[in-house]
Amino acid sequence: LYDYCKEHNIKSRWQMQIHDELSWEKHKDDSLETFIELQDIMGDWTETQVPIVAEMDATKTTWADKKAMEGLNDLQVYFSN
């Protein structure tokens, strides 16, 4: 994730890691496609014997109000409102 963000000049940053979650804060200059790519990177661990599933939730307010995102279309709809 670090290498991808550095290579692509991603301005969004993760705020914290909580157990098995990463909390990201989206920068206005970064596209929503960035988060799909980050999700793909998190799920691409070929060295593991157990598949890694990286799910995504998003919120514009608080963690308690987060909504499950099933892909780019969900992100676009959610952030267009």
Protein backbone atom coordinates (compact mmCIF):
# COMPACT_ATOMS: atom_id res chain seq x y z
CA LEU A 1 0.00 0.00 0.00
CA TYR A 2 2.79 2.38 0.91
CA ASP A 3 4.63 1.71 -2.36
CA TYR A 4 1.48 2.14 -4.45
CA CYS A 5 0.56 5.41 -2.71
CA LYS A 6 4.05 6.79 -3.06
CA GLU A 7 4.39 5.74 -6.71
CA HIS A 8 1.01 7.26 -7.67
CA ASN A 9 1.28 10.39 -5.49
CA ILE A 10 -1.80 9.44 -3.48
CA LYS A 11 -2.66 12.17 -1.00
CA SER A 12 -5.19 10.10 0.98
CA ARG A 13 -3.76 8.55 4.12
CA TRP A 14 -4.78 5.86 6.46
CA GLN A 15 -5.71 7.28 9.82
CA MET A 16 -5.35 4.18 11.91
CA GLN A 17 -5.27 0.42 11.95
CA ILE A 18 -7.83 -1.24 14.21
CA HIS A 19 -7.33 -5.00 14.55
CA ASP A 20 -7.89 -6.15 10.97
CA GLU A 21 -9.15 -2.84 9.57
CA LEU A 22 -7.51 0.16 7.96
CA SER A 23 -9.29 3.48 8.29
CA TRP A 24 -8.56 5.83 5.37
CA GLU A 25 -9.24 9.52 4.98
CA LYS A 26 -9.89 10.41 1.34
CA HIS A 27 -8.14 13.47 -0.02
CA LYS A 28 -10.22 15.56 -2.42
CA ASP A 29 -7.60 15.20 -5.17
CA ASP A 30 -7.69 11.38 -5.20
CA SER A 31 -10.19 9.49 -7.34
CA LEU A 32 -12.53 6.88 -5.97
CA GLU A 33 -10.81 4.38 -8.27
CA THR A 34 -7.80 4.73 -5.96
CA PHE A 35 -9.73 2.96 -3.21
CA ILE A 36 -10.71 0.10 -5.50
CA GLU A 37 -7.02 -0.36 -6.32
CA LEU A 38 -6.08 -0.26 -2.61
CA GLN A 39 -8.77 -2.86 -1.91
CA ASP A 40 -7.37 -5.07 -4.68
CA ILE A 41 -3.85 -4.74 -3.26
CA MET A 42 -5.05 -5.71 0.22
CA GLY A 43 -6.75 -8.83 -1.16
CA ASP A 44 -3.79 -9.94 -3.30
CA TRP A 45 -1.70 -11.97 -0.86
CA THR A 46 -0.54 -14.95 -2.89
CA GLU A 47 1.77 -16.15 -0.09
CA THR A 48 -1.12 -17.01 2.24
CA GLN A 49 -2.82 -20.37 2.41
CA VAL A 50 -6.12 -18.75 3.38
CA PRO A 51 -7.70 -16.30 0.94
CA ILE A 52 -7.76 -12.70 2.14
CA VAL A 53 -11.03 -10.84 1.63
CA ALA A 54 -10.76 -7.07 1.72
CA GLU A 55 -14.22 -5.56 2.15
CA MET A 56 -14.91 -1.86 1.99
CA ASP A 57 -17.20 0.41 3.98
CA ALA A 58 -17.45 4.17 3.58
CA THR A 59 -18.81 7.07 5.56
CA LYS A 60 -18.94 10.83 5.27
CA THR A 61 -19.70 11.25 8.96
CA THR A 62 -18.84 8.74 11.69
CA TRP A 63 -17.67 5.13 11.83
CA ALA A 64 -21.08 4.16 13.24
CA ASP A 65 -22.75 5.45 10.05
CA LYS A 66 -20.57 3.53 7.60
CA LYS A 67 -22.16 1.71 4.65
CA ALA A 68 -20.92 -1.40 2.85
CA MET A 69 -19.50 -0.70 -0.61
CA GLU A 70 -19.60 -3.40 -3.28
CA GLY A 71 -17.41 -1.65 -5.83
CA LEU A 72 -16.76 1.55 -7.70
CA ASN A 73 -20.41 2.16 -8.58
CA ASP A 74 -21.43 2.05 -4.89
CA LEU A 75 -18.65 4.52 -4.05
CA GLN A 76 -19.66 6.88 -6.86
CA VAL A 77 -23.33 6.82 -5.86
CA TYR A 78 -22.58 7.27 -2.17
CA PHE A 79 -20.16 10.17 -2.63
CA SER A 80 -22.29 11.92 -5.27
CA ASN A 81 -25.06 12.53 -2.71
